[in-house]
C-alpha cells in the first residue's frame, strides 16, 4: 500500500473541508421529511456547497456519478442516486453521503436520518451502526491496526444479530477522493500483507454498512451505482473522515452534537 502521511498544514486544510461536509449534513436536516424527493435534497445540498461554501461537490461526475450527494433509502446500502421520482415517506430511513472539495482537499461524511415516525427496529439498526463507528473511532491511534478496527465493528454488529457488508469499505482520503488504505469493516479480511499499523498523519474514513438481514449485496446494473441488500431488508451506514494524531485521533467531519467535536 502507498499510504500518504499528511503534514500539519495539510491536515489543517482537510479540517476545513471536513467541517464544510459536516455543515452540509446539519443544513439539510430540517428538509428531511415525508413528501420531499431525494432529488430536491440533492439540489439543496448542491446549491449550498457551491453557492454558500464556495466548494465543490466531489461525487458530481465522479466516474460518471450524476448527482452531488448520495441518498440511500431503506434497503439501499450505498451510492443511491437522488431522483425527483423518489419521494420520501413516513417511516423511511435515509442516508445522505456528502463529500466536499475545498482548495483541493476532500472531506467525506454521512449519517442516517429518520423520515417521520420510524419503526423501533429501524431505529435500532441505525443506532447500532453508529455505535460501530464510534467504537472504531475510539480505537484509532498510532499502533492500532486496520484489523483491530474491522474486528471491533464486526463483533459489535454481529453481537446484535446484524451482518456487515464486505464488498464496500472505508478508504484513505486527502487530495485524492479514494486512496490507500482500504478500511475493511470486518477483521477476518486482513492478513500480514494488507493489515496496516496506524501512524500519525494518516487520514482515512471509517464507514460501516450494517444490514438487518444477510450481508449479501446487489448492484443495480441499469444505473451502475445503486447497491441494495439482496434480501431487501434494511441497511444503515455512518461515516467520518479522521486523522491519526500523536496520541489518538481527530475526527475532521465531527458535528456539534458529537462527543469528539471541537471548534476550529
C-alpha atoms as a PDB file:
ATOM      1  CA  UNK A   1       0.000   0.000   0.000  1.00  0.00           C
ATOM      2  CA  UNK A   2       1.079   3.542  -0.747  1.00  0.00           C
ATOM      3  CA  UNK A   3      -0.351   5.347   2.286  1.00  0.00           C
ATOM      4  CA  UNK A   4       0.336   9.072   2.373  1.00  0.00           C
ATOM      5  CA  UNK A   5       1.286  10.857   5.582  1.00  0.00           C
ATOM      6  CA  UNK A   6      -0.193  14.345   5.795  1.00  0.00           C
ATOM      7  CA  UNK A   7       1.686  17.310   7.257  1.00  0.00           C
ATOM      8  CA  UNK A   8       0.101  19.504   9.950  1.00  0.00           C
ATOM      9  CA  UNK A   9      -0.650  22.147   7.308  1.00  0.00           C
ATOM     10  CA  UNK A  10      -2.317  19.562   5.076  1.00  0.00           C
ATOM     11  CA  UNK A  11      -4.432  18.269   7.943  1.00  0.00           C
ATOM     12  CA  UNK A  12      -5.426  21.857   8.709  1.00  0.00           C
ATOM     13  CA  UNK A  13      -6.703  22.167   5.125  1.00  0.00           C
ATOM     14  CA  UNK A  14      -8.551  18.855   5.461  1.00  0.00           C
ATOM     15  CA  UNK A  15     -10.049  20.116   8.718  1.00  0.00           C
ATOM     16  CA  UNK A  16     -11.717  22.927   6.787  1.00  0.00           C
ATOM     17  CA  UNK A  17     -13.062  20.570   4.101  1.00  0.00           C
ATOM     18  CA  UNK A  18     -14.286  18.185   6.778  1.00  0.00           C
ATOM     19  CA  UNK A  19     -16.114  20.913   8.647  1.00  0.00           C
ATOM     20  CA  UNK A  20     -17.829  22.022   5.447  1.00  0.00           C
ATOM     21  CA  UNK A  21     -19.024  18.470   4.751  1.00  0.00           C
ATOM     22  CA  UNK A  22     -20.365  18.193   8.302  1.00  0.00           C
ATOM     23  CA  UNK A  23     -22.143  21.524   7.890  1.00  0.00           C
ATOM     24  CA  UNK A  24     -23.982  20.205   4.826  1.00  0.00           C
ATOM     25  CA  UNK A  25     -25.407  17.336   6.865  1.00  0.00           C
ATOM     26  CA  UNK A  26     -26.510  19.820   9.548  1.00  0.00           C
ATOM     27  CA  UNK A  27     -28.018  22.213   6.997  1.00  0.00           C
ATOM     28  CA  UNK A  28     -30.102  19.558   5.240  1.00  0.00           C
ATOM     29  CA  UNK A  29     -31.566  18.050   8.421  1.00  0.00           C
ATOM     30  CA  UNK A  30     -34.789  20.126   8.617  1.00  0.00           C
ATOM     31  CA  UNK A  31     -35.595  19.341   4.992  1.00  0.00           C
ATOM     32  CA  UNK A  32     -35.701  15.573   5.573  1.00  0.00           C
ATOM     33  CA  UNK A  33     -39.395  14.857   5.996  1.00  0.00           C
ATOM     34  CA  UNK A  34     -42.163  12.919   4.273  1.00  0.00           C
ATOM     35  CA  UNK A  35     -43.096  14.251   0.847  1.00  0.00           C
ATOM     36  CA  UNK A  36     -39.746  15.615  -0.276  1.00  0.00           C
ATOM     37  CA  UNK A  37     -37.858  13.901  -3.076  1.00  0.00           C
ATOM     38  CA  UNK A  38     -34.249  12.810  -2.875  1.00  0.00           C
ATOM     39  CA  UNK A  39     -33.708  14.901  -5.995  1.00  0.00           C
ATOM     40  CA  UNK A  40     -34.811  18.009  -4.111  1.00  0.00           C
ATOM     41  CA  UNK A  41     -32.472  17.167  -1.228  1.00  0.00           C
ATOM     42  CA  UNK A  42     -29.605  16.819  -3.696  1.00  0.00           C
ATOM     43  CA  UNK A  43     -30.354  20.191  -5.269  1.00  0.00           C
ATOM     44  CA  UNK A  44     -30.462  21.914  -1.867  1.00  0.00           C
ATOM     45  CA  UNK A  45     -27.111  20.345  -0.923  1.00  0.00           C
ATOM     46  CA  UNK A  46     -25.586  21.241  -4.285  1.00  0.00           C
ATOM     47  CA  UNK A  47     -26.646  24.872  -4.073  1.00  0.00           C
ATOM     48  CA  UNK A  48     -25.325  25.160  -0.510  1.00  0.00           C
ATOM     49  CA  UNK A  49     -21.945  23.610  -1.324  1.00  0.00           C
ATOM     50  CA  UNK A  50     -21.428  25.661  -4.492  1.00  0.00           C
ATOM     51  CA  UNK A  51     -23.028  28.994  -3.632  1.00  0.00           C
ATOM     52  CA  UNK A  52     -22.629  29.274   0.148  1.00  0.00           C
ATOM     53  CA  UNK A  53     -19.480  27.275   0.858  1.00  0.00           C
ATOM     54  CA  UNK A  54     -17.771  28.117  -2.461  1.00  0.00           C
ATOM     55  CA  UNK A  55     -16.701  24.497  -2.620  1.00  0.00           C
ATOM     56  CA  UNK A  56     -17.107  21.543  -4.984  1.00  0.00           C
ATOM     57  CA  UNK A  57     -19.386  18.516  -4.500  1.00  0.00           C
ATOM     58  CA  UNK A  58     -16.949  15.649  -5.111  1.00  0.00           C
ATOM     59  CA  UNK A  59     -19.471  12.998  -6.219  1.00  0.00           C
ATOM     60  CA  UNK A  60     -20.776  15.063  -9.150  1.00  0.00           C
ATOM     61  CA  UNK A  61     -19.414  13.468 -12.349  1.00  0.00           C
ATOM     62  CA  UNK A  62     -17.023  11.274 -10.311  1.00  0.00           C
ATOM     63  CA  UNK A  63     -16.629   8.229 -12.565  1.00  0.00           C
ATOM     64  CA  UNK A  64     -19.925   9.277 -14.126  1.00  0.00           C
ATOM     65  CA  UNK A  65     -21.987   9.668 -10.950  1.00  0.00           C
ATOM     66  CA  UNK A  66     -24.738  12.126 -11.957  1.00  0.00           C
ATOM     67  CA  UNK A  67     -25.535  13.909  -8.678  1.00  0.00           C
ATOM     68  CA  UNK A  68     -23.845  15.916  -5.916  1.00  0.00           C
ATOM     69  CA  UNK A  69     -24.657  13.665  -2.934  1.00  0.00           C
ATOM     70  CA  UNK A  70     -25.679  10.043  -2.428  1.00  0.00           C
ATOM     71  CA  UNK A  71     -29.122   9.335  -0.961  1.00  0.00           C
ATOM     72  CA  UNK A  72     -29.663   5.741   0.170  1.00  0.00           C
ATOM     73  CA  UNK A  73     -33.159   4.835   1.391  1.00  0.00           C
ATOM     74  CA  UNK A  74     -34.156   1.743   3.403  1.00  0.00           C
ATOM     75  CA  UNK A  75     -32.668  -1.328   1.679  1.00  0.00           C
ATOM     76  CA  UNK A  76     -30.176   0.768  -0.325  1.00  0.00           C
ATOM     77  CA  UNK A  77     -26.750   0.211   1.229  1.00  0.00           C
ATOM     78  CA  UNK A  78     -24.802   2.940  -0.553  1.00  0.00           C
ATOM     79  CA  UNK A  79     -24.423   5.049  -3.702  1.00  0.00           C
ATOM     80  CA  UNK A  80     -28.142   5.743  -4.085  1.00  0.00           C
ATOM     81  CA  UNK A  81     -28.723   8.265  -6.887  1.00  0.00           C
ATOM     82  CA  UNK A  82     -31.014  11.171  -5.960  1.00  0.00           C
ATOM     83  CA  UNK A  83     -34.155  11.384  -8.073  1.00  0.00           C
ATOM     84  CA  UNK A  84     -37.161  13.668  -8.328  1.00  0.00           C
ATOM     85  CA  UNK A  85     -39.229  10.489  -8.575  1.00  0.00           C
ATOM     86  CA  UNK A  86     -38.035   9.083  -5.229  1.00  0.00           C
ATOM     87  CA  UNK A  87     -40.384  10.626  -2.674  1.00  0.00           C
ATOM     88  CA  UNK A  88     -39.609  10.024   0.980  1.00  0.00           C
ATOM     89  CA  UNK A  89     -42.448   8.555   3.018  1.00  0.00           C
ATOM     90  CA  UNK A  90     -43.197   8.273   6.705  1.00  0.00           C
ATOM     91  CA  UNK A  91     -41.135   5.503   8.287  1.00  0.00           C
ATOM     92  CA  UNK A  92     -38.234   5.572   5.829  1.00  0.00           C
ATOM     93  CA  UNK A  93     -34.625   5.645   6.952  1.00  0.00           C
ATOM     94  CA  UNK A  94     -32.272   7.696   4.799  1.00  0.00           C
ATOM     95  CA  UNK A  95     -28.518   8.016   4.487  1.00  0.00           C
ATOM     96  CA  UNK A  96     -27.078  11.179   2.951  1.00  0.00           C
ATOM     97  CA  UNK A  97     -23.423  10.918   1.953  1.00  0.00           C
ATOM     98  CA  UNK A  98     -21.563  14.188   1.354  1.00  0.00           C
ATOM     99  CA  UNK A  99     -18.033  14.791   0.111  1.00  0.00           C
ATOM    100  CA  UNK A 100     -16.861  18.378  -0.245  1.00  0.00           C
ATOM    101  CA  UNK A 101     -13.699  19.549  -2.013  1.00  0.00           C
ATOM    102  CA  UNK A 102     -12.203  22.782  -0.676  1.00  0.00           C
ATOM    103  CA  UNK A 103      -8.888  24.052  -2.036  1.00  0.00           C
ATOM    104  CA  UNK A 104      -8.282  20.572  -3.458  1.00  0.00           C
ATOM    105  CA  UNK A 105      -8.828  18.713  -0.190  1.00  0.00           C
ATOM    106  CA  UNK A 106     -11.679  16.273   0.475  1.00  0.00           C
ATOM    107  CA  UNK A 107     -13.974  15.921   3.473  1.00  0.00           C
ATOM    108  CA  UNK A 108     -16.227  12.836   3.374  1.00  0.00           C
ATOM    109  CA  UNK A 109     -19.026  12.018   5.811  1.00  0.00           C
ATOM    110  CA  UNK A 110     -22.513  10.551   6.009  1.00  0.00           C
ATOM    111  CA  UNK A 111     -25.259   9.952   8.537  1.00  0.00           C
ATOM    112  CA  UNK A 112     -28.687   8.392   8.934  1.00  0.00           C
ATOM    113  CA  UNK A 113     -31.955  10.336   9.106  1.00  0.00           C
ATOM    114  CA  UNK A 114     -35.402   9.281  10.289  1.00  0.00           C
ATOM    115  CA  UNK A 115     -38.248  10.285   7.982  1.00  0.00           C
ATOM    116  CA  UNK A 116     -41.302  10.979  10.106  1.00  0.00           C
ATOM    117  CA  UNK A 117     -42.124   8.232  12.588  1.00  0.00           C
ATOM    118  CA  UNK A 118     -39.712   5.335  12.129  1.00  0.00           C
ATOM    119  CA  UNK A 119     -40.286   1.785  13.495  1.00  0.00           C
ATOM    120  CA  UNK A 120     -38.221   0.841  16.522  1.00  0.00           C
ATOM    121  CA  UNK A 121     -36.439  -1.987  14.688  1.00  0.00           C
ATOM    122  CA  UNK A 122     -35.214   0.508  12.062  1.00  0.00           C
ATOM    123  CA  UNK A 123     -34.049   2.952  14.739  1.00  0.00           C
ATOM    124  CA  UNK A 124     -32.175   0.152  16.485  1.00  0.00           C
ATOM    125  CA  UNK A 125     -30.295  -0.728  13.291  1.00  0.00           C
ATOM    126  CA  UNK A 126     -29.284   2.907  12.810  1.00  0.00           C
ATOM    127  CA  UNK A 127     -28.204   3.251  16.442  1.00  0.00           C
ATOM    128  CA  UNK A 128     -26.111   0.084  16.430  1.00  0.00           C
ATOM    129  CA  UNK A 129     -24.425   1.141  13.181  1.00  0.00           C
ATOM    130  CA  UNK A 130     -23.486   4.475  14.745  1.00  0.00           C
ATOM    131  CA  UNK A 131     -22.157   2.608  17.780  1.00  0.00           C
ATOM    132  CA  UNK A 132     -19.998   0.521  15.419  1.00  0.00           C
ATOM    133  CA  UNK A 133     -18.466   3.701  14.017  1.00  0.00           C
ATOM    134  CA  UNK A 134     -17.919   5.279  17.426  1.00  0.00           C
ATOM    135  CA  UNK A 135     -16.316   2.153  18.878  1.00  0.00           C
ATOM    136  CA  UNK A 136     -13.961   2.026  15.890  1.00  0.00           C
ATOM    137  CA  UNK A 137     -13.047   5.702  16.220  1.00  0.00           C
ATOM    138  CA  UNK A 138     -12.216   5.165  19.900  1.00  0.00           C
ATOM    139  CA  UNK A 139      -9.500   2.699  18.868  1.00  0.00           C
ATOM    140  CA  UNK A 140      -7.726   4.942  16.394  1.00  0.00           C
ATOM    141  CA  UNK A 141      -4.224   5.970  17.470  1.00  0.00           C
ATOM    142  CA  UNK A 142      -0.640   5.186  16.471  1.00  0.00           C
ATOM    143  CA  UNK A 143      -0.009   1.468  16.844  1.00  0.00           C
ATOM    144  CA  UNK A 144      -3.616   0.418  16.219  1.00  0.00           C
ATOM    145  CA  UNK A 145      -4.121  -1.780  13.155  1.00  0.00           C
ATOM    146  CA  UNK A 146      -6.809  -1.779  10.497  1.00  0.00           C
ATOM    147  CA  UNK A 147      -7.736  -5.308  11.549  1.00  0.00           C
ATOM    148  CA  UNK A 148      -8.377  -4.016  15.070  1.00  0.00           C
ATOM    149  CA  UNK A 149     -10.903  -1.565  13.621  1.00  0.00           C
ATOM    150  CA  UNK A 150     -12.639  -4.150  11.449  1.00  0.00           C
ATOM    151  CA  UNK A 151     -12.784  -6.726  14.225  1.00  0.00           C
ATOM    152  CA  UNK A 152     -14.383  -4.261  16.632  1.00  0.00           C
ATOM    153  CA  UNK A 153     -17.055  -3.222  14.130  1.00  0.00           C
ATOM    154  CA  UNK A 154     -17.933  -6.780  13.163  1.00  0.00           C
ATOM    155  CA  UNK A 155     -18.029  -8.009  16.765  1.00  0.00           C
ATOM    156  CA  UNK A 156     -20.465  -5.298  17.811  1.00  0.00           C
ATOM    157  CA  UNK A 157     -22.733  -5.647  14.775  1.00  0.00           C
ATOM    158  CA  UNK A 158     -22.831  -9.434  14.807  1.00  0.00           C
ATOM    159  CA  UNK A 159     -23.369  -9.393  18.564  1.00  0.00           C
ATOM    160  CA  UNK A 160     -26.606  -7.501  17.880  1.00  0.00           C
ATOM    161  CA  UNK A 161     -27.593 -10.098  15.217  1.00  0.00           C
ATOM    162  CA  UNK A 162     -26.797  -7.895  12.244  1.00  0.00           C
ATOM    163  CA  UNK A 163     -24.454  -8.525   9.321  1.00  0.00           C
ATOM    164  CA  UNK A 164     -21.555  -6.477   7.934  1.00  0.00           C
ATOM    165  CA  UNK A 165     -21.279  -5.535   4.265  1.00  0.00           C
ATOM    166  CA  UNK A 166     -17.929  -6.756   2.931  1.00  0.00           C
ATOM    167  CA  UNK A 167     -17.802  -5.541  -0.683  1.00  0.00           C
ATOM    168  CA  UNK A 168     -17.579  -1.836   0.214  1.00  0.00           C
ATOM    169  CA  UNK A 169     -15.285  -0.182   2.729  1.00  0.00           C
ATOM    170  CA  UNK A 170     -13.653   2.939   4.082  1.00  0.00           C
ATOM    171  CA  UNK A 171     -10.627   4.475   2.401  1.00  0.00           C
ATOM    172  CA  UNK A 172      -7.718   6.824   2.590  1.00  0.00           C
ATOM    173  CA  UNK A 173      -8.507  10.389   1.599  1.00  0.00           C
ATOM    174  CA  UNK A 174      -6.794  13.718   1.003  1.00  0.00           C
ATOM    175  CA  UNK A 175      -6.142  15.455  -2.295  1.00  0.00           C
ATOM    176  CA  UNK A 176      -7.494  12.221  -3.785  1.00  0.00           C
ATOM    177  CA  UNK A 177     -11.090  11.140  -3.064  1.00  0.00           C
ATOM    178  CA  UNK A 178     -10.181   7.454  -2.647  1.00  0.00           C
ATOM    179  CA  UNK A 179      -6.607   6.459  -1.849  1.00  0.00           C
ATOM    180  CA  UNK A 180      -4.832   3.788   0.196  1.00  0.00           C
ATOM    181  CA  UNK A 181      -5.565   2.204   2.569  1.00  0.00           C
ATOM    182  CA  UNK A 182      -8.809   0.321   2.168  1.00  0.00           C
ATOM    183  CA  UNK A 183     -10.500   0.186   5.576  1.00  0.00           C
ATOM    184  CA  UNK A 184     -12.482  -3.039   5.866  1.00  0.00           C
ATOM    185  CA  UNK A 185     -15.256  -3.255   8.425  1.00  0.00           C
ATOM    186  CA  UNK A 186     -14.534  -6.863   9.381  1.00  0.00           C
ATOM    187  CA  UNK A 187     -11.310  -8.199  10.865  1.00  0.00           C
ATOM    188  CA  UNK A 188     -11.012 -11.509   9.072  1.00  0.00           C
ATOM    189  CA  UNK A 189     -10.475  -9.690   5.758  1.00  0.00           C
ATOM    190  CA  UNK A 190      -6.887  -8.857   6.748  1.00  0.00           C
ATOM    191  CA  UNK A 191      -3.635 -10.772   6.634  1.00  0.00           C
ATOM    192  CA  UNK A 192       0.011  -9.801   7.033  1.00  0.00           C
ATOM    193  CA  UNK A 193       0.128  -8.249   3.589  1.00  0.00           C
ATOM    194  CA  UNK A 194      -2.848  -5.915   3.805  1.00  0.00           C
ATOM    195  CA  UNK A 195      -3.052  -5.118   7.503  1.00  0.00           C
ATOM    196  CA  UNK A 196      -1.639  -1.735   8.439  1.00  0.00           C
ATOM    197  CA  UNK A 197      -0.271  -0.225  11.642  1.00  0.00           C
ATOM    198  CA  UNK A 198      -1.585   3.312  12.002  1.00  0.00           C
ATOM    199  CA  UNK A 199       0.845   6.233  12.185  1.00  0.00           C
ATOM    200  CA  UNK A 200       0.470   9.908  12.956  1.00  0.00           C
ATOM    201  CA  UNK A 201      -0.591  11.851   9.862  1.00  0.00           C
ATOM    202  CA  UNK A 202      -2.648   9.118   8.210  1.00  0.00           C
ATOM    203  CA  UNK A 203      -6.098  10.246   7.085  1.00  0.00           C
ATOM    204  CA  UNK A 204      -8.946   7.937   6.167  1.00  0.00           C
ATOM    205  CA  UNK A 205     -12.654   7.233   6.514  1.00  0.00           C
ATOM    206  CA  UNK A 206     -14.431   4.610   8.570  1.00  0.00           C
ATOM    207  CA  UNK A 207     -17.949   3.996   7.226  1.00  0.00           C
ATOM    208  CA  UNK A 208     -19.549   0.729   8.388  1.00  0.00           C
ATOM    209  CA  UNK A 209     -22.514  -0.548   6.377  1.00  0.00           C
ATOM    210  CA  UNK A 210     -24.634  -2.816   8.558  1.00  0.00           C
ATOM    211  CA  UNK A 211     -27.570  -4.924   7.344  1.00  0.00           C
ATOM    212  CA  UNK A 212     -30.622  -6.050   9.283  1.00  0.00           C
ATOM    213  CA  UNK A 213     -30.600  -9.309   7.333  1.00  0.00           C
ATOM    214  CA  UNK A 214     -27.871 -11.076   5.399  1.00  0.00           C
ATOM    215  CA  UNK A 215     -24.633  -9.475   4.229  1.00  0.00           C
ATOM    216  CA  UNK A 216     -25.062 -10.161   0.514  1.00  0.00           C
ATOM    217  CA  UNK A 217     -25.407  -7.158  -1.778  1.00  0.00           C
ATOM    218  CA  UNK A 218     -26.835  -6.472  -5.220  1.00  0.00           C
ATOM    219  CA  UNK A 219     -25.622  -3.833  -7.680  1.00  0.00           C
ATOM    220  CA  UNK A 220     -28.201  -2.183  -9.946  1.00  0.00           C
ATOM    221  CA  UNK A 221     -26.769  -2.954 -13.364  1.00  0.00           C
ATOM    222  CA  UNK A 222     -29.011  -0.375 -15.048  1.00  0.00           C
ATOM    223  CA  UNK A 223     -27.565   2.655 -13.265  1.00  0.00           C
ATOM    224  CA  UNK A 224     -24.240   1.050 -12.321  1.00  0.00           C
ATOM    225  CA  UNK A 225     -24.227   2.628  -8.862  1.00  0.00           C
ATOM    226  CA  UNK A 226     -27.080   1.760  -6.516  1.00  0.00           C
ATOM    227  CA  UNK A 227     -26.213  -1.073  -4.114  1.00  0.00           C
ATOM    228  CA  UNK A 228     -29.008  -2.783  -2.194  1.00  0.00           C
ATOM    229  CA  UNK A 229     -29.300  -5.669   0.212  1.00  0.00           C
ATOM    230  CA  UNK A 230     -30.004  -8.826  -1.738  1.00  0.00           C
ATOM    231  CA  UNK A 231     -32.734  -9.866   0.685  1.00  0.00           C
ATOM    232  CA  UNK A 232     -34.274  -6.344   0.535  1.00  0.00           C
ATOM    233  CA  UNK A 233     -34.015  -5.842   4.281  1.00  0.00           C
ATOM    234  CA  UNK A 234     -32.862  -2.559   5.776  1.00  0.00           C
ATOM    235  CA  UNK A 235     -29.292  -1.276   5.795  1.00  0.00           C
ATOM    236  CA  UNK A 236     -27.671   1.622   7.669  1.00  0.00           C
ATOM    237  CA  UNK A 237     -24.364   3.474   7.417  1.00  0.00           C
ATOM    238  CA  UNK A 238     -22.457   6.209   9.285  1.00  0.00           C
ATOM    239  CA  UNK A 239     -19.155   7.720   8.176  1.00  0.00           C
ATOM    240  CA  UNK A 240     -16.450  10.101   9.334  1.00  0.00           C
ATOM    241  CA  UNK A 241     -13.117  11.307   7.952  1.00  0.00           C
ATOM    242  CA  UNK A 242     -10.345  11.332  10.553  1.00  0.00           C
ATOM    243  CA  UNK A 243      -6.656  11.969  11.072  1.00  0.00           C
ATOM    244  CA  UNK A 244      -4.346   9.946  13.298  1.00  0.00           C
ATOM    245  CA  UNK A 245      -2.702  12.274  15.838  1.00  0.00           C
ATOM    246  CA  UNK A 246       0.357  11.753  18.031  1.00  0.00           C
ATOM    247  CA  UNK A 247      -1.729  10.223  20.797  1.00  0.00           C
ATOM    248  CA  UNK A 248      -5.121   9.424  19.260  1.00  0.00           C
ATOM    249  CA  UNK A 249      -7.486  10.671  16.596  1.00  0.00           C
ATOM    250  CA  UNK A 250      -9.074  13.869  15.336  1.00  0.00           C
ATOM    251  CA  UNK A 251     -12.450  13.436  13.641  1.00  0.00           C
ATOM    252  CA  UNK A 252     -12.324  16.012  10.862  1.00  0.00           C
ATOM    253  CA  UNK A 253     -16.028  15.745   9.975  1.00  0.00           C
ATOM    254  CA  UNK A 254     -17.451  15.779  13.520  1.00  0.00           C
ATOM    255  CA  UNK A 255     -20.772  17.552  14.077  1.00  0.00           C
ATOM    256  CA  UNK A 256     -21.570  19.744  17.112  1.00  0.00           C
ATOM    257  CA  UNK A 257     -23.743  17.076  18.765  1.00  0.00           C
ATOM    258  CA  UNK A 258     -20.935  14.508  18.808  1.00  0.00           C
ATOM    259  CA  UNK A 259     -18.523  13.864  21.692  1.00  0.00           C
ATOM    260  CA  UNK A 260     -15.364  14.338  19.600  1.00  0.00           C
ATOM    261  CA  UNK A 261     -16.407  17.673  18.093  1.00  0.00           C
ATOM    262  CA  UNK A 262     -14.021  20.579  18.598  1.00  0.00           C
ATOM    263  CA  UNK A 263     -14.031  24.193  17.467  1.00  0.00           C
ATOM    264  CA  UNK A 264     -11.826  25.166  14.571  1.00  0.00           C
END
